[in-house]
Amino acid sequence: MRRSHLTHREWASGLYLYASNIKGVASMRLHRELGISQKAAWFLLHHLCTAAETGEELFSGPVEADEIYIGAKRKNMSLSKRKEMKGAGRGAVGKEAVIGVKDHATNEVRAKVIPVRDALHVAGFVATQTRDGAKVYTDEAKVYNALKPWYNHEAVNHSVSEYARDRAHTNGMESFRSMLKRGYVGICQKMLPKHLDKYVSQFARRHNVWDQNTIDQMADVVRGMVGKRLQYDDLTADNSFSSGARC
């Protein structure tokens, strides 16, 4: 709030809308509800998301890991865009990859955008979030084989319609995928790659605090503001992606 041009009422109202909408809130709504510019509303939203970020201890497990792909459906693209992608394959082609991990003991989710779907980025993220020796459940993708020397890795084979075997499954991550995509389609409509990692982290936190009441969520965000300062120039700095429209 330091040096902010927004009033305390606008900050408090924006915080309430941020905390009370479990599927997220778009900057356009903050713009309309608070009577401020969409640019200011978007910056306010990212201030609140940054304040909500907390330190994270390693998961003890069991954990499950899975990938999520974010992007427009081929059928919804313009004709020119579909022509560009003709012959490029289906499914995840043209979408951004996200790797997520869910801890069975705490039900917490952590997720991150990755530039490449390979063992370094997929298994590497799981390793940065999970204690050595923990039980890790995944699907049959080969990128997870890199976990075996350090983790008790068990996979279910989705290719033969095996989705659960005893306690081994990735259903928790499927649930988070649904929540993230509902926020993507129903709230934001579009998440540009430039800020996608921030939105993914925001929805992971929303998943983790969904059972808290609104006032407790608001108090956590206010406490998180201490010592954190977000500059507009830093938020919009060039990272090779277009700024484009903002959610």
C-alpha atoms as a PDB file:
ATOM      1  CA  MET A   1       0.000   0.000   0.000  1.00  0.00           C
ATOM      2  CA  ARG A   2       3.032   2.258   0.265  1.00  0.00           C
ATOM      3  CA  ARG A   3       2.771   5.270  -2.075  1.00  0.00           C
ATOM      4  CA  SER A   4      -0.462   3.868  -3.499  1.00  0.00           C
ATOM      5  CA  HIS A   5      -2.879   6.239  -5.179  1.00  0.00           C
ATOM      6  CA  LEU A   6      -5.798   4.011  -4.149  1.00  0.00           C
ATOM      7  CA  THR A   7      -7.793   4.799  -1.029  1.00  0.00           C
ATOM      8  CA  HIS A   8      -7.929   2.487   1.981  1.00  0.00           C
ATOM      9  CA  ARG A   9     -11.575   1.776   1.095  1.00  0.00           C
ATOM     10  CA  GLU A  10     -10.560   0.645  -2.402  1.00  0.00           C
ATOM     11  CA  TRP A  11      -7.829  -1.576  -0.984  1.00  0.00           C
ATOM     12  CA  ALA A  12     -10.206  -3.128   1.562  1.00  0.00           C
ATOM     13  CA  SER A  13     -12.984  -3.657  -0.989  1.00  0.00           C
ATOM     14  CA  GLY A  14     -10.559  -5.153  -3.500  1.00  0.00           C
ATOM     15  CA  LEU A  15      -9.173  -7.486  -0.823  1.00  0.00           C
ATOM     16  CA  TYR A  16     -12.696  -8.617   0.099  1.00  0.00           C
ATOM     17  CA  LEU A  17     -13.559  -9.399  -3.534  1.00  0.00           C
ATOM     18  CA  TYR A  18     -10.243 -11.224  -3.970  1.00  0.00           C
ATOM     19  CA  ALA A  19     -10.781 -13.407  -0.874  1.00  0.00           C
ATOM     20  CA  SER A  20     -14.493 -14.078  -1.239  1.00  0.00           C
ATOM     21  CA  ASN A  21     -14.405 -15.419  -4.818  1.00  0.00           C
ATOM     22  CA  ILE A  22     -12.987 -18.935  -4.630  1.00  0.00           C
ATOM     23  CA  LYS A  23     -12.717 -19.228  -8.432  1.00  0.00           C
ATOM     24  CA  GLY A  24     -10.878 -15.925  -8.680  1.00  0.00           C
ATOM     25  CA  VAL A  25     -11.849 -12.413  -9.686  1.00  0.00           C
ATOM     26  CA  ALA A  26     -10.985 -10.604 -12.910  1.00  0.00           C
ATOM     27  CA  SER A  27      -9.494  -7.121 -12.971  1.00  0.00           C
ATOM     28  CA  MET A  28     -12.440  -5.992 -15.110  1.00  0.00           C
ATOM     29  CA  ARG A  29     -14.773  -6.771 -12.209  1.00  0.00           C
ATOM     30  CA  LEU A  30     -12.558  -4.882  -9.756  1.00  0.00           C
ATOM     31  CA  HIS A  31     -12.524  -2.001 -12.245  1.00  0.00           C
ATOM     32  CA  ARG A  32     -16.336  -1.888 -12.326  1.00  0.00           C
ATOM     33  CA  GLU A  33     -16.954  -2.529  -8.612  1.00  0.00           C
ATOM     34  CA  LEU A  34     -14.333  -0.105  -7.285  1.00  0.00           C
ATOM     35  CA  GLY A  35     -14.685   2.592  -9.935  1.00  0.00           C
ATOM     36  CA  ILE A  36     -10.961   2.601 -10.751  1.00  0.00           C
ATOM     37  CA  SER A  37      -9.178   2.080 -14.062  1.00  0.00           C
ATOM     38  CA  GLN A  38      -8.695  -1.464 -15.342  1.00  0.00           C
ATOM     39  CA  LYS A  39      -4.935  -0.888 -15.247  1.00  0.00           C
ATOM     40  CA  ALA A  40      -5.083   0.045 -11.544  1.00  0.00           C
ATOM     41  CA  ALA A  41      -7.409  -2.893 -10.824  1.00  0.00           C
ATOM     42  CA  TRP A  42      -5.024  -5.320 -12.546  1.00  0.00           C
ATOM     43  CA  PHE A  43      -2.060  -3.959 -10.583  1.00  0.00           C
ATOM     44  CA  LEU A  44      -4.062  -4.156  -7.330  1.00  0.00           C
ATOM     45  CA  LEU A  45      -4.939  -7.774  -8.070  1.00  0.00           C
ATOM     46  CA  HIS A  46      -1.274  -8.688  -8.542  1.00  0.00           C
ATOM     47  CA  HIS A  47      -0.383  -6.837  -5.334  1.00  0.00           C
ATOM     48  CA  LEU A  48      -2.842  -9.037  -3.445  1.00  0.00           C
ATOM     49  CA  CYS A  49      -1.596 -12.221  -5.126  1.00  0.00           C
ATOM     50  CA  THR A  50       2.003 -11.344  -4.232  1.00  0.00           C
ATOM     51  CA  ALA A  51       1.044 -10.648  -0.617  1.00  0.00           C
ATOM     52  CA  ALA A  52      -0.712 -14.024  -0.446  1.00  0.00           C
ATOM     53  CA  GLU A  53       2.474 -15.903  -1.328  1.00  0.00           C
ATOM     54  CA  THR A  54       4.025 -17.753   1.631  1.00  0.00           C
ATOM     55  CA  GLY A  55       7.123 -19.789   2.398  1.00  0.00           C
ATOM     56  CA  GLU A  56       6.740 -23.455   1.673  1.00  0.00           C
ATOM     57  CA  GLU A  57       8.081 -26.510   3.513  1.00  0.00           C
ATOM     58  CA  LEU A  58       8.816 -29.702   1.622  1.00  0.00           C
ATOM     59  CA  PHE A  59       5.979 -32.225   1.375  1.00  0.00           C
ATOM     60  CA  SER A  60       6.499 -35.445   3.320  1.00  0.00           C
ATOM     61  CA  GLY A  61       4.093 -37.437   1.167  1.00  0.00           C
ATOM     62  CA  PRO A  62       2.482 -39.397  -0.150  1.00  0.00           C
ATOM     63  CA  VAL A  63       2.229 -36.931  -3.026  1.00  0.00           C
ATOM     64  CA  GLU A  64       0.792 -37.122  -6.509  1.00  0.00           C
ATOM     65  CA  ALA A  65       2.110 -35.285  -9.537  1.00  0.00           C
ATOM     66  CA  ASP A  66       0.614 -34.551 -12.936  1.00  0.00           C
ATOM     67  CA  GLU A  67       0.827 -32.083 -15.807  1.00  0.00           C
ATOM     68  CA  ILE A  68      -1.810 -29.577 -16.917  1.00  0.00           C
ATOM     69  CA  TYR A  69      -1.968 -27.800 -20.278  1.00  0.00           C
ATOM     70  CA  ILE A  70      -3.350 -24.269 -20.544  1.00  0.00           C
ATOM     71  CA  GLY A  71      -4.437 -22.728 -23.821  1.00  0.00           C
ATOM     72  CA  ALA A  72      -7.252 -22.219 -26.269  1.00  0.00           C
ATOM     73  CA  LYS A  73      -9.052 -25.127 -27.874  1.00  0.00           C
ATOM     74  CA  ARG A  74      -8.203 -25.603 -31.536  1.00  0.00           C
ATOM     75  CA  LYS A  75     -11.869 -25.259 -32.574  1.00  0.00           C
ATOM     76  CA  ASN A  76     -12.071 -21.822 -30.905  1.00  0.00           C
ATOM     77  CA  MET A  77      -9.048 -20.397 -32.723  1.00  0.00           C
ATOM     78  CA  SER A  78      -9.251 -18.140 -35.742  1.00  0.00           C
ATOM     79  CA  LEU A  79      -9.030 -19.738 -39.160  1.00  0.00           C
ATOM     80  CA  SER A  80      -5.571 -18.231 -39.751  1.00  0.00           C
ATOM     81  CA  LYS A  81      -4.305 -19.610 -36.421  1.00  0.00           C
ATOM     82  CA  ARG A  82      -5.681 -23.077 -37.183  1.00  0.00           C
ATOM     83  CA  LYS A  83      -3.942 -23.010 -40.571  1.00  0.00           C
ATOM     84  CA  GLU A  84      -0.639 -22.153 -38.863  1.00  0.00           C
ATOM     85  CA  MET A  85      -1.004 -25.185 -36.583  1.00  0.00           C
ATOM     86  CA  LYS A  86      -2.163 -27.588 -39.282  1.00  0.00           C
ATOM     87  CA  GLY A  87      -0.134 -30.786 -39.086  1.00  0.00           C
ATOM     88  CA  ALA A  88       1.392 -29.842 -35.735  1.00  0.00           C
ATOM     89  CA  GLY A  89      -0.557 -32.495 -33.840  1.00  0.00           C
ATOM     90  CA  ARG A  90      -3.325 -32.281 -31.284  1.00  0.00           C
ATOM     91  CA  GLY A  91      -3.767 -32.254 -27.508  1.00  0.00           C
ATOM     92  CA  ALA A  92      -1.031 -30.250 -25.793  1.00  0.00           C
ATOM     93  CA  VAL A  93       0.350 -28.681 -28.982  1.00  0.00           C
ATOM     94  CA  GLY A  94       0.281 -24.881 -28.781  1.00  0.00           C
ATOM     95  CA  LYS A  95      -0.495 -24.862 -25.056  1.00  0.00           C
ATOM     96  CA  GLU A  96       1.563 -23.950 -21.993  1.00  0.00           C
ATOM     97  CA  ALA A  97       2.649 -26.815 -19.723  1.00  0.00           C
ATOM     98  CA  VAL A  98       2.116 -26.710 -15.954  1.00  0.00           C
ATOM     99  CA  ILE A  99       3.445 -29.289 -13.493  1.00  0.00           C
ATOM    100  CA  GLY A 100       1.624 -29.693 -10.197  1.00  0.00           C
ATOM    101  CA  VAL A 101       2.115 -31.658  -6.983  1.00  0.00           C
ATOM    102  CA  LYS A 102      -0.501 -32.440  -4.319  1.00  0.00           C
ATOM    103  CA  ASP A 103       0.344 -33.683  -0.820  1.00  0.00           C
ATOM    104  CA  HIS A 104      -2.077 -36.287   0.553  1.00  0.00           C
ATOM    105  CA  ALA A 105      -1.315 -35.410   4.174  1.00  0.00           C
ATOM    106  CA  THR A 106      -2.138 -31.680   3.927  1.00  0.00           C
ATOM    107  CA  ASN A 107      -4.170 -31.591   0.664  1.00  0.00           C
ATOM    108  CA  GLU A 108      -1.967 -28.670  -0.432  1.00  0.00           C
ATOM    109  CA  VAL A 109      -1.193 -28.115  -4.098  1.00  0.00           C
ATOM    110  CA  ARG A 110       1.815 -26.403  -5.643  1.00  0.00           C
ATOM    111  CA  ALA A 111       2.156 -25.774  -9.349  1.00  0.00           C
ATOM    112  CA  LYS A 112       4.485 -24.070 -11.783  1.00  0.00           C
ATOM    113  CA  VAL A 113       4.652 -23.290 -15.490  1.00  0.00           C
ATOM    114  CA  ILE A 114       7.491 -25.149 -17.212  1.00  0.00           C
ATOM    115  CA  PRO A 115       9.052 -24.256 -20.573  1.00  0.00           C
ATOM    116  CA  VAL A 116       9.627 -27.868 -21.651  1.00  0.00           C
ATOM    117  CA  ARG A 117       7.937 -31.115 -20.664  1.00  0.00           C
ATOM    118  CA  ASP A 118      11.060 -33.141 -19.896  1.00  0.00           C
ATOM    119  CA  ALA A 119      12.538 -34.947 -16.880  1.00  0.00           C
ATOM    120  CA  LEU A 120      14.580 -31.913 -15.817  1.00  0.00           C
ATOM    121  CA  HIS A 121      11.532 -29.672 -15.468  1.00  0.00           C
ATOM    122  CA  VAL A 122       8.785 -32.191 -14.589  1.00  0.00           C
ATOM    123  CA  ALA A 123      10.594 -34.533 -12.208  1.00  0.00           C
ATOM    124  CA  GLY A 124      12.825 -31.644 -11.132  1.00  0.00           C
ATOM    125  CA  PHE A 125       9.836 -29.654  -9.841  1.00  0.00           C
ATOM    126  CA  VAL A 126       8.529 -32.681  -7.930  1.00  0.00           C
ATOM    127  CA  ALA A 127      11.958 -33.033  -6.314  1.00  0.00           C
ATOM    128  CA  THR A 128      12.055 -29.379  -5.221  1.00  0.00           C
ATOM    129  CA  GLN A 129       8.706 -29.786  -3.409  1.00  0.00           C
ATOM    130  CA  THR A 130       9.068 -33.267  -1.869  1.00  0.00           C
ATOM    131  CA  ARG A 131      11.319 -34.806   0.768  1.00  0.00           C
ATOM    132  CA  ASP A 132      13.692 -37.578  -0.299  1.00  0.00           C
ATOM    133  CA  GLY A 133      12.232 -41.049   0.164  1.00  0.00           C
ATOM    134  CA  ALA A 134       8.595 -39.913   0.017  1.00  0.00           C
ATOM    135  CA  LYS A 135       5.946 -41.911  -1.821  1.00  0.00           C
ATOM    136  CA  VAL A 136       5.162 -40.320  -5.199  1.00  0.00           C
ATOM    137  CA  TYR A 137       2.222 -41.284  -7.405  1.00  0.00           C
ATOM    138  CA  THR A 138       2.169 -40.336 -11.104  1.00  0.00           C
ATOM    139  CA  ASP A 139       0.863 -41.574 -14.416  1.00  0.00           C
ATOM    140  CA  GLU A 140       2.999 -43.742 -16.698  1.00  0.00           C
ATOM    141  CA  ALA A 141       4.862 -40.878 -18.441  1.00  0.00           C
ATOM    142  CA  LYS A 142       8.557 -41.696 -18.812  1.00  0.00           C
ATOM    143  CA  VAL A 143       9.675 -38.289 -17.514  1.00  0.00           C
ATOM    144  CA  TYR A 144       8.824 -39.483 -13.988  1.00  0.00           C
ATOM    145  CA  ASN A 145      11.287 -42.391 -14.138  1.00  0.00           C
ATOM    146  CA  ALA A 146      13.977 -39.922 -13.058  1.00  0.00           C
ATOM    147  CA  LEU A 147      12.372 -39.931  -9.584  1.00  0.00           C
ATOM    148  CA  LYS A 148      13.049 -43.607  -8.870  1.00  0.00           C
ATOM    149  CA  PRO A 149      16.564 -43.374  -7.361  1.00  0.00           C
ATOM    150  CA  TRP A 150      15.399 -40.943  -4.639  1.00  0.00           C
ATOM    151  CA  TYR A 151      11.661 -41.549  -4.219  1.00  0.00           C
ATOM    152  CA  ASN A 152       9.266 -44.455  -3.703  1.00  0.00           C
ATOM    153  CA  HIS A 153       7.680 -43.975  -7.115  1.00  0.00           C
ATOM    154  CA  GLU A 154       4.496 -45.758  -8.213  1.00  0.00           C
ATOM    155  CA  ALA A 155       2.618 -45.130 -11.459  1.00  0.00           C
ATOM    156  CA  VAL A 156      -0.893 -45.837 -12.711  1.00  0.00           C
ATOM    157  CA  ASN A 157      -1.291 -46.622 -16.389  1.00  0.00           C
ATOM    158  CA  HIS A 158      -3.849 -44.246 -17.888  1.00  0.00           C
ATOM    159  CA  SER A 159      -3.266 -45.658 -21.377  1.00  0.00           C
ATOM    160  CA  VAL A 160      -5.050 -48.888 -20.373  1.00  0.00           C
ATOM    161  CA  SER A 161      -7.745 -47.027 -18.385  1.00  0.00           C
ATOM    162  CA  GLU A 162      -6.118 -47.651 -15.007  1.00  0.00           C
ATOM    163  CA  TYR A 163      -6.822 -44.539 -12.938  1.00  0.00           C
ATOM    164  CA  ALA A 164      -6.413 -45.886  -9.401  1.00  0.00           C
ATOM    165  CA  ARG A 165      -4.665 -48.842  -7.800  1.00  0.00           C
ATOM    166  CA  ASP A 166      -5.077 -49.039  -4.041  1.00  0.00           C
ATOM    167  CA  ARG A 167      -3.818 -45.588  -2.885  1.00  0.00           C
ATOM    168  CA  ALA A 168      -1.983 -44.849  -6.128  1.00  0.00           C
ATOM    169  CA  HIS A 169      -3.808 -42.251  -8.241  1.00  0.00           C
ATOM    170  CA  THR A 170      -3.598 -38.676  -9.528  1.00  0.00           C
ATOM    171  CA  ASN A 171      -7.248 -37.806  -8.877  1.00  0.00           C
ATOM    172  CA  GLY A 172      -6.353 -34.896  -6.587  1.00  0.00           C
ATOM    173  CA  MET A 173      -4.417 -33.202  -9.361  1.00  0.00           C
ATOM    174  CA  GLU A 174      -7.321 -33.877 -11.736  1.00  0.00           C
ATOM    175  CA  SER A 175      -9.523 -31.970  -9.283  1.00  0.00           C
ATOM    176  CA  PHE A 176      -7.093 -29.033  -9.225  1.00  0.00           C
ATOM    177  CA  ARG A 177      -6.943 -29.117 -13.026  1.00  0.00           C
ATOM    178  CA  SER A 178     -10.725 -28.717 -13.131  1.00  0.00           C
ATOM    179  CA  MET A 179     -10.623 -25.759 -10.723  1.00  0.00           C
ATOM    180  CA  LEU A 180      -7.842 -24.051 -12.671  1.00  0.00           C
ATOM    181  CA  LYS A 181      -9.621 -24.487 -15.982  1.00  0.00           C
ATOM    182  CA  ARG A 182     -12.926 -23.232 -14.569  1.00  0.00           C
ATOM    183  CA  GLY A 183     -11.097 -20.102 -13.448  1.00  0.00           C
ATOM    184  CA  TYR A 184      -9.429 -19.845 -16.849  1.00  0.00           C
ATOM    185  CA  VAL A 185     -12.646 -20.215 -18.867  1.00  0.00           C
ATOM    186  CA  GLY A 186     -15.188 -18.673 -16.492  1.00  0.00           C
ATOM    187  CA  ILE A 187     -13.218 -15.809 -14.911  1.00  0.00           C
ATOM    188  CA  CYS A 188     -10.183 -14.839 -16.960  1.00  0.00           C
ATOM    189  CA  GLN A 189     -11.133 -16.245 -20.380  1.00  0.00           C
ATOM    190  CA  LYS A 190      -7.484 -15.769 -21.284  1.00  0.00           C
ATOM    191  CA  MET A 191      -4.212 -16.199 -19.382  1.00  0.00           C
ATOM    192  CA  LEU A 192      -1.258 -14.897 -21.371  1.00  0.00           C
ATOM    193  CA  PRO A 193       2.067 -16.762 -21.034  1.00  0.00           C
ATOM    194  CA  LYS A 194       3.729 -13.565 -19.724  1.00  0.00           C
ATOM    195  CA  HIS A 195       1.893 -13.798 -16.380  1.00  0.00           C
ATOM    196  CA  LEU A 196       0.648 -17.391 -16.469  1.00  0.00           C
ATOM    197  CA  ASP A 197       2.919 -18.531 -13.634  1.00  0.00           C
ATOM    198  CA  LYS A 198       1.407 -15.893 -11.335  1.00  0.00           C
ATOM    199  CA  TYR A 199      -2.131 -17.032 -12.152  1.00  0.00           C
ATOM    200  CA  VAL A 200      -1.223 -20.696 -11.634  1.00  0.00           C
ATOM    201  CA  SER A 201       0.283 -19.889  -8.229  1.00  0.00           C
ATOM    202  CA  GLN A 202      -2.814 -17.846  -7.356  1.00  0.00           C
ATOM    203  CA  PHE A 203      -5.162 -20.744  -8.112  1.00  0.00           C
ATOM    204  CA  ALA A 204      -2.960 -23.173  -6.190  1.00  0.00           C
ATOM    205  CA  ARG A 205      -3.254 -20.928  -3.143  1.00  0.00           C
ATOM    206  CA  ARG A 206      -7.017 -20.614  -3.624  1.00  0.00           C
ATOM    207  CA  HIS A 207      -7.218 -24.400  -3.615  1.00  0.00           C
ATOM    208  CA  ASN A 208      -5.194 -24.549  -0.402  1.00  0.00           C
ATOM    209  CA  VAL A 209      -7.323 -22.055   1.552  1.00  0.00           C
ATOM    210  CA  TRP A 210     -10.791 -22.857   0.188  1.00  0.00           C
ATOM    211  CA  ASP A 211     -12.013 -24.066   3.612  1.00  0.00           C
ATOM    212  CA  GLN A 212     -10.956 -20.870   5.421  1.00  0.00           C
ATOM    213  CA  ASN A 213     -13.574 -18.201   6.004  1.00  0.00           C
ATOM    214  CA  THR A 214     -13.243 -14.898   4.162  1.00  0.00           C
ATOM    215  CA  ILE A 215     -12.045 -12.795   7.105  1.00  0.00           C
ATOM    216  CA  ASP A 216      -9.210 -15.241   7.872  1.00  0.00           C
ATOM    217  CA  GLN A 217      -8.120 -15.213   4.234  1.00  0.00           C
ATOM    218  CA  MET A 218      -8.142 -11.414   4.240  1.00  0.00           C
ATOM    219  CA  ALA A 219      -6.076 -11.331   7.444  1.00  0.00           C
ATOM    220  CA  ASP A 220      -3.502 -13.715   5.939  1.00  0.00           C
ATOM    221  CA  VAL A 221      -3.099 -11.479   2.881  1.00  0.00           C
ATOM    222  CA  VAL A 222      -2.682  -8.349   5.022  1.00  0.00           C
ATOM    223  CA  ARG A 223      -0.003 -10.079   7.114  1.00  0.00           C
ATOM    224  CA  GLY A 224       1.705 -11.134   3.889  1.00  0.00           C
ATOM    225  CA  MET A 225       2.020  -7.517   2.737  1.00  0.00           C
ATOM    226  CA  VAL A 226       4.720  -6.835   5.313  1.00  0.00           C
ATOM    227  CA  GLY A 227       8.117  -6.504   3.640  1.00  0.00           C
ATOM    228  CA  LYS A 228       6.784  -7.039   0.109  1.00  0.00           C
ATOM    229  CA  ARG A 229       6.671  -4.367  -2.554  1.00  0.00           C
ATOM    230  CA  LEU A 230       5.616  -4.864  -6.152  1.00  0.00           C
ATOM    231  CA  GLN A 231       6.673  -2.307  -8.770  1.00  0.00           C
ATOM    232  CA  TYR A 232       4.563  -1.880 -11.901  1.00  0.00           C
ATOM    233  CA  ASP A 233       7.704  -1.743 -14.051  1.00  0.00           C
ATOM    234  CA  ASP A 234       8.888  -5.062 -12.604  1.00  0.00           C
ATOM    235  CA  LEU A 235       5.505  -6.669 -13.214  1.00  0.00           C
ATOM    236  CA  THR A 236       5.417  -5.565 -16.849  1.00  0.00           C
ATOM    237  CA  ALA A 237       9.154  -6.053 -17.559  1.00  0.00           C
ATOM    238  CA  ASP A 238      10.094  -7.801 -20.786  1.00  0.00           C
ATOM    239  CA  ASN A 239      10.303 -11.591 -20.391  1.00  0.00           C
ATOM    240  CA  SER A 240      10.044 -12.342 -24.135  1.00  0.00           C
ATOM    241  CA  PHE A 241       6.227 -12.649 -23.953  1.00  0.00           C
ATOM    242  CA  SER A 242       3.662 -10.113 -25.136  1.00  0.00           C
ATOM    243  CA  SER A 243       1.786  -8.148 -22.454  1.00  0.00           C
ATOM    244  CA  GLY A 244      -1.460  -8.236 -24.448  1.00  0.00           C
ATOM    245  CA  ALA A 245      -4.838  -8.210 -22.691  1.00  0.00           C
ATOM    246  CA  ARG A 246      -4.954  -8.595 -18.915  1.00  0.00           C
ATOM    247  CA  CYS A 247      -7.263 -10.794 -16.859  1.00  0.00           C
END
